[in-house]
Amino acid sequence: RLPLVEPDEKSAEIIRATLKDYKIDLPIPPKAV
């Protein structure tokens, strides 16, 4: 299980990739983590 919030930029990349997969268009700031 991954923590909901990680101090890594990988989290943001994973979130963006997930949103892309689900075709969700949400504004995600570069430093949302």
PDB file of N, CA and C in Angstrom:
ATOM      1  N   ARG A   1       0.837  -1.201   0.000  1.00  0.00           N
ATOM      2  CA  ARG A   1       0.000   0.000   0.000  1.00  0.00           C
ATOM      3  C   ARG A   1       0.877   1.258   0.000  1.00  0.00           C
ATOM      4  N   LEU A   2       0.537   2.199  -0.830  1.00  0.00           N
ATOM      5  CA  LEU A   2       1.316   3.443  -0.876  1.00  0.00           C
ATOM      6  C   LEU A   2       0.650   4.500  -0.018  1.00  0.00           C
ATOM      7  N   PRO A   3       1.432   5.304   0.659  1.00  0.00           N
ATOM      8  CA  PRO A   3       0.871   6.406   1.458  1.00  0.00           C
ATOM      9  C   PRO A   3       0.129   7.383   0.555  1.00  0.00           C
ATOM     10  N   LEU A   4      -0.917   8.000   1.114  1.00  0.00           N
ATOM     11  CA  LEU A   4      -1.716   8.924   0.302  1.00  0.00           C
ATOM     12  C   LEU A   4      -0.880  10.120  -0.120  1.00  0.00           C
ATOM     13  N   VAL A   5       0.026  10.541   0.746  1.00  0.00           N
ATOM     14  CA  VAL A   5       0.851  11.708   0.416  1.00  0.00           C
ATOM     15  C   VAL A   5       2.328  11.363   0.553  1.00  0.00           C
ATOM     16  N   GLU A   6       3.055  11.510  -0.533  1.00  0.00           N
ATOM     17  CA  GLU A   6       4.497  11.253  -0.503  1.00  0.00           C
ATOM     18  C   GLU A   6       5.248  12.532  -0.844  1.00  0.00           C
ATOM     19  N   PRO A   7       6.377  12.754  -0.221  1.00  0.00           N
ATOM     20  CA  PRO A   7       7.182  13.957  -0.467  1.00  0.00           C
ATOM     21  C   PRO A   7       7.942  13.860  -1.787  1.00  0.00           C
ATOM     22  N   ASP A   8       7.625  12.848  -2.582  1.00  0.00           N
ATOM     23  CA  ASP A   8       8.328  12.681  -3.854  1.00  0.00           C
ATOM     24  C   ASP A   8       7.516  13.259  -5.002  1.00  0.00           C
ATOM     25  N   GLU A   9       8.206  13.657  -6.039  1.00  0.00           N
ATOM     26  CA  GLU A   9       7.500  14.174  -7.216  1.00  0.00           C
ATOM     27  C   GLU A   9       6.897  13.022  -8.005  1.00  0.00           C
ATOM     28  N   LYS A  10       7.324  11.802  -7.668  1.00  0.00           N
ATOM     29  CA  LYS A  10       6.776  10.628  -8.355  1.00  0.00           C
ATOM     30  C   LYS A  10       5.274  10.540  -8.108  1.00  0.00           C
ATOM     31  N   SER A  11       4.839  10.952  -6.921  1.00  0.00           N
ATOM     32  CA  SER A  11       3.412  10.903  -6.589  1.00  0.00           C
ATOM     33  C   SER A  11       2.624  11.724  -7.595  1.00  0.00           C
ATOM     34  N   ALA A  12       3.089  12.930  -7.863  1.00  0.00           N
ATOM     35  CA  ALA A  12       2.388  13.804  -8.808  1.00  0.00           C
ATOM     36  C   ALA A  12       2.344  13.147 -10.183  1.00  0.00           C
ATOM     37  N   GLU A  13       3.452  12.528 -10.573  1.00  0.00           N
ATOM     38  CA  GLU A  13       3.494  11.873 -11.880  1.00  0.00           C
ATOM     39  C   GLU A  13       2.498  10.722 -11.926  1.00  0.00           C
ATOM     40  N   ILE A  14       2.452   9.956 -10.833  1.00  0.00           N
ATOM     41  CA  ILE A  14       1.517   8.822 -10.765  1.00  0.00           C
ATOM     42  C   ILE A  14       0.079   9.326 -10.847  1.00  0.00           C
ATOM     43  N   ILE A  15      -0.199  10.415 -10.123  1.00  0.00           N
ATOM     44  CA  ILE A  15      -1.557  10.976 -10.133  1.00  0.00           C
ATOM     45  C   ILE A  15      -1.923  11.423 -11.540  1.00  0.00           C
ATOM     46  N   ARG A  16      -0.977  12.123 -12.190  1.00  0.00           N
ATOM     47  CA  ARG A  16      -1.266  12.603 -13.553  1.00  0.00           C
ATOM     48  C   ARG A  16      -1.502  11.423 -14.485  1.00  0.00           C
ATOM     49  N   ALA A  17      -0.689  10.375 -14.341  1.00  0.00           N
ATOM     50  CA  ALA A  17      -0.837   9.195 -15.198  1.00  0.00           C
ATOM     51  C   ALA A  17      -2.186   8.530 -14.941  1.00  0.00           C
ATOM     52  N   THR A  18      -2.575   8.458 -13.676  1.00  0.00           N
ATOM     53  CA  THR A  18      -3.858   7.841 -13.327  1.00  0.00           C
ATOM     54  C   THR A  18      -5.011   8.631 -13.926  1.00  0.00           C
ATOM     55  N   LEU A  19      -4.957   9.948 -13.784  1.00  0.00           N
ATOM     56  CA  LEU A  19      -6.020  10.787 -14.337  1.00  0.00           C
ATOM     57  C   LEU A  19      -6.068  10.622 -15.849  1.00  0.00           C
ATOM     58  N   LYS A  20      -4.894  10.481 -16.466  1.00  0.00           N
ATOM     59  CA  LYS A  20      -4.854  10.298 -17.924  1.00  0.00           C
ATOM     60  C   LYS A  20      -5.557   9.004 -18.285  1.00  0.00           C
ATOM     61  N   ASP A  21      -5.274   7.947 -17.500  1.00  0.00           N
ATOM     62  CA  ASP A  21      -5.876   6.642 -17.774  1.00  0.00           C
ATOM     63  C   ASP A  21      -7.397   6.708 -17.647  1.00  0.00           C
ATOM     64  N   TYR A  22      -7.864   7.471 -16.669  1.00  0.00           N
ATOM     65  CA  TYR A  22      -9.307   7.555 -16.436  1.00  0.00           C
ATOM     66  C   TYR A  22      -9.935   8.684 -17.231  1.00  0.00           C
ATOM     67  N   LYS A  23      -9.129   9.350 -18.075  1.00  0.00           N
ATOM     68  CA  LYS A  23      -9.615  10.444 -18.930  1.00  0.00           C
ATOM     69  C   LYS A  23     -10.260  11.533 -18.085  1.00  0.00           C
ATOM     70  N   ILE A  24      -9.697  11.781 -16.917  1.00  0.00           N
ATOM     71  CA  ILE A  24     -10.241  12.829 -16.049  1.00  0.00           C
ATOM     72  C   ILE A  24      -9.445  14.107 -16.263  1.00  0.00           C
ATOM     73  N   ASP A  25     -10.131  15.205 -16.451  1.00  0.00           N
ATOM     74  CA  ASP A  25      -9.452  16.473 -16.687  1.00  0.00           C
ATOM     75  C   ASP A  25      -9.576  17.352 -15.451  1.00  0.00           C
ATOM     76  N   LEU A  26      -8.592  17.262 -14.572  1.00  0.00           N
ATOM     77  CA  LEU A  26      -8.618  18.090 -13.368  1.00  0.00           C
ATOM     78  C   LEU A  26      -7.337  18.907 -13.283  1.00  0.00           C
ATOM     79  N   PRO A  27      -7.448  20.141 -12.852  1.00  0.00           N
ATOM     80  CA  PRO A  27      -6.270  20.993 -12.698  1.00  0.00           C
ATOM     81  C   PRO A  27      -5.403  20.511 -11.547  1.00  0.00           C
ATOM     82  N   ILE A  28      -4.201  20.040 -11.860  1.00  0.00           N
ATOM     83  CA  ILE A  28      -3.299  19.566 -10.812  1.00  0.00           C
ATOM     84  C   ILE A  28      -2.049  20.437 -10.785  1.00  0.00           C
ATOM     85  N   PRO A  29      -1.881  21.204  -9.713  1.00  0.00           N
ATOM     86  CA  PRO A  29      -0.677  22.031  -9.591  1.00  0.00           C
ATOM     87  C   PRO A  29       0.568  21.160  -9.583  1.00  0.00           C
ATOM     88  N   PRO A  30       1.667  21.637 -10.138  1.00  0.00           N
ATOM     89  CA  PRO A  30       2.909  20.866 -10.196  1.00  0.00           C
ATOM     90  C   PRO A  30       3.362  20.442  -8.806  1.00  0.00           C
ATOM     91  N   LYS A  31       3.076  21.256  -7.800  1.00  0.00           N
ATOM     92  CA  LYS A  31       3.507  20.918  -6.434  1.00  0.00           C
ATOM     93  C   LYS A  31       2.282  20.653  -5.565  1.00  0.00           C
ATOM     94  N   ALA A  32       1.486  19.676  -5.954  1.00  0.00           N
ATOM     95  CA  ALA A  32       0.268  19.370  -5.196  1.00  0.00           C
ATOM     96  C   ALA A  32       0.597  18.459  -4.026  1.00  0.00           C
ATOM     97  N   VAL A  33       1.831  17.958  -3.993  1.00  0.00           N
ATOM     98  CA  VAL A  33       2.193  17.025  -2.919  1.00  0.00           C
ATOM     99  C   VAL A  33       2.783  17.787  -1.747  1.00  0.00           C
TER     100      VAL A  33
END
